[in-house]
Amino acid sequence: MNTERTNNQEQATTETTETAPETEGMETTVTQAMLTIPFPDSFIYSNVSALSASFMDIRVGFGEAMPDGTVQSRVGVVMPAEHAAQLVLNLLQNLAFFEHNFGEIRNPEWRAFQAKAKANLAAFRRAKKDQEEKA
């Protein structure tokens, strides 16, 4: 899904082409859906979140950690796993955009995740190159 922002809405474009295994000569193809998602009139501030998953859905609760150590719950969102996966992809895309334009995100877990992802990608590329050289 690609996202573009305008003044008060987000343009979300999904391009997927999947071909299911043939069932009695029938083939299913999913192509493209374009949605214009208006931003709400107001937003909440959140600096903490909690997640849970069941076989039916993913639940995300957003809250605000207060100076006295308490958390004020602000809003919760329930979504199917497919949407949660798309949300993760969109968040990763937006985090990359943020770091490219505004600088490194100063979160040690995020930095470790990025380093591990880069190492895994490098290992994958080396293995692929080795396989191609052997062929």
N, C-alpha and C. Protein backbone atom coordinates (compact mmCIF):
# COMPACT_ATOMS: atom_id res chain seq x y z
N MET A 1 0.86 -1.17 0.00
CA MET A 1 0.00 0.00 0.00
C MET A 1 0.90 1.23 0.00
N ASN A 2 0.64 2.12 -0.87
CA ASN A 2 1.36 3.39 -0.90
C ASN A 2 0.46 4.45 -0.30
N THR A 3 1.07 5.37 0.43
CA THR A 3 0.26 6.42 1.03
C THR A 3 0.81 7.78 0.65
N GLU A 4 -0.07 8.70 0.42
CA GLU A 4 0.29 10.09 0.17
C GLU A 4 -0.56 10.95 1.07
N ARG A 5 0.05 12.00 1.60
CA ARG A 5 -0.71 12.88 2.48
C ARG A 5 -1.04 14.18 1.75
N THR A 6 -2.24 14.66 1.98
CA THR A 6 -2.62 16.00 1.55
C THR A 6 -3.00 16.75 2.80
N ASN A 7 -3.60 17.91 2.68
CA ASN A 7 -3.91 18.73 3.85
C ASN A 7 -4.63 17.98 4.94
N ASN A 8 -5.72 17.30 4.64
CA ASN A 8 -6.48 16.67 5.70
C ASN A 8 -6.91 15.25 5.36
N GLN A 9 -6.24 14.64 4.42
CA GLN A 9 -6.60 13.27 4.10
C GLN A 9 -5.39 12.49 3.63
N GLU A 10 -5.51 11.21 3.68
CA GLU A 10 -4.45 10.34 3.23
C GLU A 10 -4.98 9.53 2.06
N GLN A 11 -4.23 9.53 0.98
CA GLN A 11 -4.60 8.76 -0.19
C GLN A 11 -3.90 7.41 -0.06
N ALA A 12 -4.64 6.35 0.02
CA ALA A 12 -4.08 5.02 0.18
C ALA A 12 -4.37 4.22 -1.07
N THR A 13 -3.33 3.71 -1.69
CA THR A 13 -3.48 2.91 -2.88
C THR A 13 -2.92 1.53 -2.62
N THR A 14 -3.72 0.53 -2.85
CA THR A 14 -3.29 -0.84 -2.67
C THR A 14 -3.19 -1.49 -4.03
N GLU A 15 -2.03 -2.02 -4.34
CA GLU A 15 -1.86 -2.74 -5.59
C GLU A 15 -1.40 -4.14 -5.25
N THR A 16 -2.24 -5.10 -5.48
CA THR A 16 -1.91 -6.48 -5.19
C THR A 16 -2.41 -7.32 -6.33
N THR A 17 -1.58 -8.18 -6.81
CA THR A 17 -2.03 -9.15 -7.79
C THR A 17 -1.70 -10.52 -7.24
N GLU A 18 -2.71 -11.25 -6.86
CA GLU A 18 -2.55 -12.60 -6.33
C GLU A 18 -3.34 -13.54 -7.20
N THR A 19 -2.74 -14.63 -7.51
CA THR A 19 -3.45 -15.64 -8.26
C THR A 19 -3.56 -16.87 -7.38
N ALA A 20 -4.77 -17.23 -7.06
CA ALA A 20 -5.01 -18.41 -6.24
C ALA A 20 -4.85 -19.65 -7.11
N PRO A 21 -4.54 -20.78 -6.48
CA PRO A 21 -4.46 -22.02 -7.27
C PRO A 21 -5.79 -22.27 -7.98
N GLU A 22 -5.69 -22.81 -9.16
CA GLU A 22 -6.90 -23.04 -9.94
C GLU A 22 -7.82 -24.02 -9.23
N THR A 23 -9.08 -23.68 -9.19
CA THR A 23 -10.10 -24.55 -8.62
C THR A 23 -11.12 -24.80 -9.71
N GLU A 24 -11.12 -25.98 -10.24
CA GLU A 24 -12.04 -26.33 -11.31
C GLU A 24 -12.02 -25.31 -12.44
N GLY A 25 -10.82 -24.93 -12.85
CA GLY A 25 -10.68 -24.03 -13.97
C GLY A 25 -10.91 -22.57 -13.65
N MET A 26 -11.12 -22.21 -12.37
CA MET A 26 -11.37 -20.83 -11.99
C MET A 26 -10.12 -20.25 -11.34
N GLU A 27 -9.83 -19.01 -11.65
CA GLU A 27 -8.67 -18.31 -11.10
C GLU A 27 -9.14 -17.02 -10.45
N THR A 28 -8.59 -16.71 -9.27
CA THR A 28 -8.98 -15.50 -8.57
C THR A 28 -7.82 -14.52 -8.60
N THR A 29 -8.08 -13.31 -9.05
CA THR A 29 -7.05 -12.28 -9.09
C THR A 29 -7.57 -11.04 -8.37
N VAL A 30 -6.75 -10.53 -7.45
CA VAL A 30 -7.05 -9.29 -6.76
C VAL A 30 -6.14 -8.24 -7.37
N THR A 31 -6.70 -7.14 -7.85
CA THR A 31 -5.85 -6.16 -8.52
C THR A 31 -5.62 -4.90 -7.70
N GLN A 32 -6.47 -3.92 -7.76
CA GLN A 32 -6.17 -2.63 -7.14
C GLN A 32 -7.41 -2.02 -6.51
N ALA A 33 -7.18 -1.38 -5.38
CA ALA A 33 -8.24 -0.63 -4.72
C ALA A 33 -7.66 0.72 -4.32
N MET A 34 -8.38 1.80 -4.60
CA MET A 34 -7.91 3.12 -4.21
C MET A 34 -8.91 3.71 -3.23
N LEU A 35 -8.40 4.13 -2.09
CA LEU A 35 -9.25 4.69 -1.06
C LEU A 35 -8.74 6.08 -0.69
N THR A 36 -9.64 6.98 -0.44
CA THR A 36 -9.27 8.28 0.11
C THR A 36 -9.75 8.28 1.55
N ILE A 37 -8.81 8.36 2.46
CA ILE A 37 -9.13 8.28 3.88
C ILE A 37 -8.98 9.66 4.49
N PRO A 38 -10.08 10.30 4.86
CA PRO A 38 -9.97 11.63 5.47
C PRO A 38 -9.42 11.51 6.90
N PHE A 39 -8.58 12.46 7.28
CA PHE A 39 -8.11 12.49 8.66
C PHE A 39 -9.25 12.94 9.55
N PRO A 40 -9.26 12.47 10.80
CA PRO A 40 -10.32 12.91 11.72
C PRO A 40 -10.13 14.37 12.09
N ASP A 41 -11.17 14.95 12.69
CA ASP A 41 -11.11 16.36 13.10
C ASP A 41 -10.14 16.58 14.25
N SER A 42 -9.93 15.54 15.05
CA SER A 42 -9.00 15.69 16.19
C SER A 42 -8.15 14.44 16.33
N PHE A 43 -7.03 14.58 17.00
CA PHE A 43 -6.11 13.49 17.23
C PHE A 43 -5.86 13.38 18.73
N ILE A 44 -5.37 12.25 19.17
CA ILE A 44 -4.96 12.09 20.57
C ILE A 44 -3.44 12.03 20.60
N TYR A 45 -2.86 12.32 21.75
CA TYR A 45 -1.43 12.16 21.95
C TYR A 45 -1.22 10.82 22.64
N SER A 46 -0.24 10.07 22.19
CA SER A 46 0.07 8.79 22.81
C SER A 46 1.58 8.59 22.85
N ASN A 47 2.08 8.18 24.01
CA ASN A 47 3.49 7.83 24.11
C ASN A 47 3.69 6.42 24.64
N VAL A 48 2.60 5.67 24.81
CA VAL A 48 2.65 4.25 25.19
C VAL A 48 1.54 3.50 24.46
N SER A 49 1.76 2.22 24.27
CA SER A 49 0.72 1.40 23.65
C SER A 49 0.81 -0.02 24.19
N ALA A 50 -0.29 -0.72 24.11
CA ALA A 50 -0.37 -2.12 24.52
C ALA A 50 -1.06 -2.89 23.41
N LEU A 51 -0.61 -4.10 23.19
CA LEU A 51 -1.18 -4.91 22.12
C LEU A 51 -1.60 -6.27 22.64
N SER A 52 -2.62 -6.82 22.01
CA SER A 52 -3.01 -8.21 22.27
C SER A 52 -3.54 -8.79 20.97
N ALA A 53 -3.49 -10.11 20.89
CA ALA A 53 -3.96 -10.79 19.68
C ALA A 53 -4.80 -11.99 20.06
N SER A 54 -5.81 -12.23 19.26
CA SER A 54 -6.61 -13.44 19.38
C SER A 54 -6.68 -14.06 18.00
N PHE A 55 -7.37 -15.17 17.88
CA PHE A 55 -7.49 -15.79 16.56
C PHE A 55 -8.35 -14.96 15.62
N MET A 56 -9.08 -13.98 16.16
CA MET A 56 -9.98 -13.16 15.35
C MET A 56 -9.40 -11.80 14.96
N ASP A 57 -8.60 -11.18 15.88
CA ASP A 57 -8.19 -9.81 15.62
C ASP A 57 -6.98 -9.41 16.45
N ILE A 58 -6.48 -8.23 16.15
CA ILE A 58 -5.39 -7.59 16.88
C ILE A 58 -5.98 -6.36 17.55
N ARG A 59 -5.65 -6.16 18.81
CA ARG A 59 -6.14 -5.00 19.56
C ARG A 59 -4.94 -4.15 19.97
N VAL A 60 -5.08 -2.85 19.75
CA VAL A 60 -4.03 -1.91 20.13
C VAL A 60 -4.67 -0.83 21.00
N GLY A 61 -4.11 -0.65 22.19
CA GLY A 61 -4.56 0.40 23.07
C GLY A 61 -3.51 1.48 23.14
N PHE A 62 -3.91 2.73 23.04
CA PHE A 62 -3.00 3.85 23.10
C PHE A 62 -3.28 4.66 24.36
N GLY A 63 -2.21 5.12 24.99
CA GLY A 63 -2.37 5.90 26.20
C GLY A 63 -1.27 6.92 26.34
N GLU A 64 -1.34 7.65 27.45
CA GLU A 64 -0.33 8.67 27.74
C GLU A 64 0.25 8.39 29.12
N ALA A 65 1.57 8.16 29.14
CA ALA A 65 2.27 7.97 30.41
C ALA A 65 2.43 9.33 31.07
N MET A 66 1.99 9.42 32.31
CA MET A 66 2.01 10.68 33.04
C MET A 66 3.26 10.76 33.92
N PRO A 67 3.68 11.97 34.31
CA PRO A 67 4.88 12.13 35.15
C PRO A 67 4.82 11.37 36.48
N ASP A 68 3.62 11.12 37.00
CA ASP A 68 3.51 10.42 38.28
C ASP A 68 3.58 8.89 38.12
N GLY A 69 3.84 8.40 36.89
CA GLY A 69 3.98 6.96 36.66
C GLY A 69 2.70 6.25 36.27
N THR A 70 1.60 6.95 36.24
CA THR A 70 0.34 6.34 35.82
C THR A 70 0.17 6.49 34.31
N VAL A 71 -0.75 5.74 33.77
CA VAL A 71 -1.06 5.83 32.34
C VAL A 71 -2.54 6.14 32.19
N GLN A 72 -2.83 7.13 31.36
CA GLN A 72 -4.23 7.44 31.04
C GLN A 72 -4.54 6.83 29.67
N SER A 73 -5.51 5.91 29.67
CA SER A 73 -5.92 5.28 28.43
C SER A 73 -6.62 6.31 27.56
N ARG A 74 -6.27 6.35 26.27
CA ARG A 74 -6.84 7.35 25.37
C ARG A 74 -7.80 6.76 24.35
N VAL A 75 -7.40 5.68 23.68
CA VAL A 75 -8.25 5.09 22.64
C VAL A 75 -7.75 3.68 22.35
N GLY A 76 -8.64 2.85 21.88
CA GLY A 76 -8.29 1.50 21.47
C GLY A 76 -8.75 1.25 20.05
N VAL A 77 -8.02 0.41 19.34
CA VAL A 77 -8.35 0.08 17.95
C VAL A 77 -8.32 -1.44 17.82
N VAL A 78 -9.34 -1.99 17.21
CA VAL A 78 -9.42 -3.43 16.94
C VAL A 78 -9.40 -3.59 15.43
N MET A 79 -8.57 -4.53 14.94
CA MET A 79 -8.45 -4.71 13.49
C MET A 79 -8.14 -6.16 13.16
N PRO A 80 -8.48 -6.60 11.95
CA PRO A 80 -8.10 -7.94 11.54
C PRO A 80 -6.58 -8.00 11.34
N ALA A 81 -6.03 -9.21 11.43
CA ALA A 81 -4.57 -9.39 11.30
C ALA A 81 -4.05 -8.86 9.96
N GLU A 82 -4.84 -9.00 8.91
CA GLU A 82 -4.40 -8.52 7.59
C GLU A 82 -4.19 -7.02 7.60
N HIS A 83 -5.08 -6.31 8.26
CA HIS A 83 -4.91 -4.85 8.34
C HIS A 83 -3.74 -4.50 9.25
N ALA A 84 -3.56 -5.24 10.33
CA ALA A 84 -2.42 -4.98 11.22
C ALA A 84 -1.11 -5.16 10.46
N ALA A 85 -1.03 -6.17 9.61
CA ALA A 85 0.18 -6.38 8.80
C ALA A 85 0.40 -5.20 7.86
N GLN A 86 -0.67 -4.72 7.23
CA GLN A 86 -0.54 -3.56 6.34
C GLN A 86 -0.14 -2.32 7.11
N LEU A 87 -0.68 -2.17 8.31
CA LEU A 87 -0.33 -1.04 9.17
C LEU A 87 1.16 -1.06 9.49
N VAL A 88 1.70 -2.23 9.80
CA VAL A 88 3.14 -2.35 10.08
C VAL A 88 3.95 -1.91 8.87
N LEU A 89 3.56 -2.35 7.68
CA LEU A 89 4.28 -1.95 6.47
C LEU A 89 4.22 -0.44 6.27
N ASN A 90 3.04 0.15 6.49
CA ASN A 90 2.90 1.60 6.35
C ASN A 90 3.73 2.34 7.40
N LEU A 91 3.75 1.84 8.63
CA LEU A 91 4.56 2.47 9.67
C LEU A 91 6.05 2.41 9.32
N LEU A 92 6.51 1.27 8.83
CA LEU A 92 7.92 1.15 8.45
C LEU A 92 8.27 2.13 7.33
N GLN A 93 7.37 2.26 6.36
CA GLN A 93 7.58 3.20 5.26
C GLN A 93 7.66 4.63 5.80
N ASN A 94 6.77 4.98 6.71
CA ASN A 94 6.75 6.34 7.26
C ASN A 94 7.93 6.59 8.20
N LEU A 95 8.39 5.58 8.91
CA LEU A 95 9.58 5.75 9.76
C LEU A 95 10.82 5.99 8.89
N ALA A 96 10.92 5.27 7.78
CA ALA A 96 12.04 5.50 6.85
C ALA A 96 11.99 6.92 6.30
N PHE A 97 10.79 7.37 5.93
CA PHE A 97 10.62 8.74 5.45
C PHE A 97 11.04 9.74 6.52
N PHE A 98 10.60 9.51 7.76
CA PHE A 98 10.93 10.40 8.87
C PHE A 98 12.44 10.49 9.06
N GLU A 99 13.12 9.33 9.13
CA GLU A 99 14.57 9.35 9.35
C GLU A 99 15.31 9.99 8.19
N HIS A 100 14.85 9.76 6.98
CA HIS A 100 15.50 10.36 5.82
C HIS A 100 15.40 11.89 5.86
N ASN A 101 14.25 12.40 6.30
CA ASN A 101 14.02 13.84 6.27
C ASN A 101 14.36 14.57 7.56
N PHE A 102 14.29 13.89 8.70
CA PHE A 102 14.44 14.58 9.97
C PHE A 102 15.53 14.03 10.87
N GLY A 103 16.16 12.94 10.48
CA GLY A 103 17.25 12.38 11.28
C GLY A 103 16.87 11.11 12.01
N GLU A 104 17.88 10.52 12.58
CA GLU A 104 17.76 9.23 13.25
C GLU A 104 16.78 9.26 14.43
N ILE A 105 16.01 8.20 14.54
CA ILE A 105 15.12 8.04 15.69
C ILE A 105 15.96 7.49 16.84
N ARG A 106 15.91 8.17 17.97
CA ARG A 106 16.77 7.82 19.11
C ARG A 106 16.05 6.83 20.04
N ASN A 107 15.89 5.63 19.57
CA ASN A 107 15.30 4.57 20.38
C ASN A 107 16.21 3.35 20.24
N PRO A 108 16.81 2.89 21.33
CA PRO A 108 17.77 1.79 21.23
C PRO A 108 17.19 0.51 20.63
N GLU A 109 15.95 0.18 20.94
CA GLU A 109 15.34 -1.02 20.37
C GLU A 109 15.14 -0.87 18.87
N TRP A 110 14.77 0.30 18.43
CA TRP A 110 14.60 0.58 17.00
C TRP A 110 15.94 0.45 16.28
N ARG A 111 17.00 1.03 16.88
CA ARG A 111 18.33 0.96 16.27
C ARG A 111 18.78 -0.50 16.16
N ALA A 112 18.54 -1.30 17.22
CA ALA A 112 18.93 -2.72 17.20
C ALA A 112 18.13 -3.48 16.14
N PHE A 113 16.83 -3.18 16.02
CA PHE A 113 16.00 -3.82 14.99
C PHE A 113 16.55 -3.52 13.60
N GLN A 114 16.89 -2.26 13.36
CA GLN A 114 17.42 -1.88 12.05
C GLN A 114 18.74 -2.59 11.76
N ALA A 115 19.63 -2.64 12.75
CA ALA A 115 20.92 -3.30 12.56
C ALA A 115 20.73 -4.78 12.25
N LYS A 116 19.83 -5.44 12.96
CA LYS A 116 19.57 -6.86 12.72
C LYS A 116 18.96 -7.06 11.33
N ALA A 117 18.03 -6.20 10.93
CA ALA A 117 17.42 -6.31 9.61
C ALA A 117 18.46 -6.13 8.51
N LYS A 118 19.37 -5.17 8.69
CA LYS A 118 20.43 -4.95 7.69
C LYS A 118 21.37 -6.15 7.61
N ALA A 119 21.70 -6.73 8.77
CA ALA A 119 22.57 -7.91 8.79
C ALA A 119 21.89 -9.10 8.12
N ASN A 120 20.62 -9.30 8.39
CA ASN A 120 19.87 -10.39 7.76
C ASN A 120 19.79 -10.20 6.25
N LEU A 121 19.59 -8.97 5.80
CA LEU A 121 19.52 -8.69 4.37
C LEU A 121 20.88 -8.96 3.71
N ALA A 122 21.95 -8.53 4.37
CA ALA A 122 23.29 -8.77 3.83
C ALA A 122 23.58 -10.27 3.74
N ALA A 123 23.20 -11.03 4.76
CA ALA A 123 23.41 -12.48 4.75
C ALA A 123 22.59 -13.13 3.64
N PHE A 124 21.36 -12.68 3.45
CA PHE A 124 20.51 -13.20 2.38
C PHE A 124 21.16 -12.94 1.02
N ARG A 125 21.65 -11.71 0.83
CA ARG A 125 22.27 -11.36 -0.46
C ARG A 125 23.54 -12.19 -0.70
N ARG A 126 24.34 -12.42 0.35
CA ARG A 126 25.55 -13.26 0.20
C ARG A 126 25.17 -14.68 -0.18
N ALA A 127 24.17 -15.24 0.49
CA ALA A 127 23.73 -16.60 0.20
C ALA A 127 23.21 -16.71 -1.23
N LYS A 128 22.46 -15.71 -1.66
CA LYS A 128 21.93 -15.72 -3.03
C LYS A 128 23.07 -15.65 -4.04
N LYS A 129 24.06 -14.79 -3.77
CA LYS A 129 25.20 -14.65 -4.66
C LYS A 129 25.98 -15.96 -4.73
N ASP A 130 26.17 -16.62 -3.58
CA ASP A 130 26.87 -17.91 -3.54
C ASP A 130 26.13 -18.96 -4.36
N GLN A 131 24.81 -18.99 -4.26
CA GLN A 131 24.02 -19.95 -5.03
C GLN A 131 24.14 -19.69 -6.52
N GLU A 132 24.14 -18.41 -6.91
CA GLU A 132 24.25 -18.07 -8.33
C GLU A 132 25.62 -18.45 -8.87
N GLU A 133 26.68 -18.27 -8.04
CA GLU A 133 28.01 -18.63 -8.50
C GLU A 133 28.18 -20.13 -8.66
N LYS A 134 27.51 -20.92 -7.82
CA LYS A 134 27.58 -22.37 -7.90
C LYS A 134 26.81 -22.90 -9.09
N ALA A 135 25.81 -22.17 -9.55
CA ALA A 135 24.95 -22.66 -10.64
C ALA A 135 25.61 -22.53 -11.98
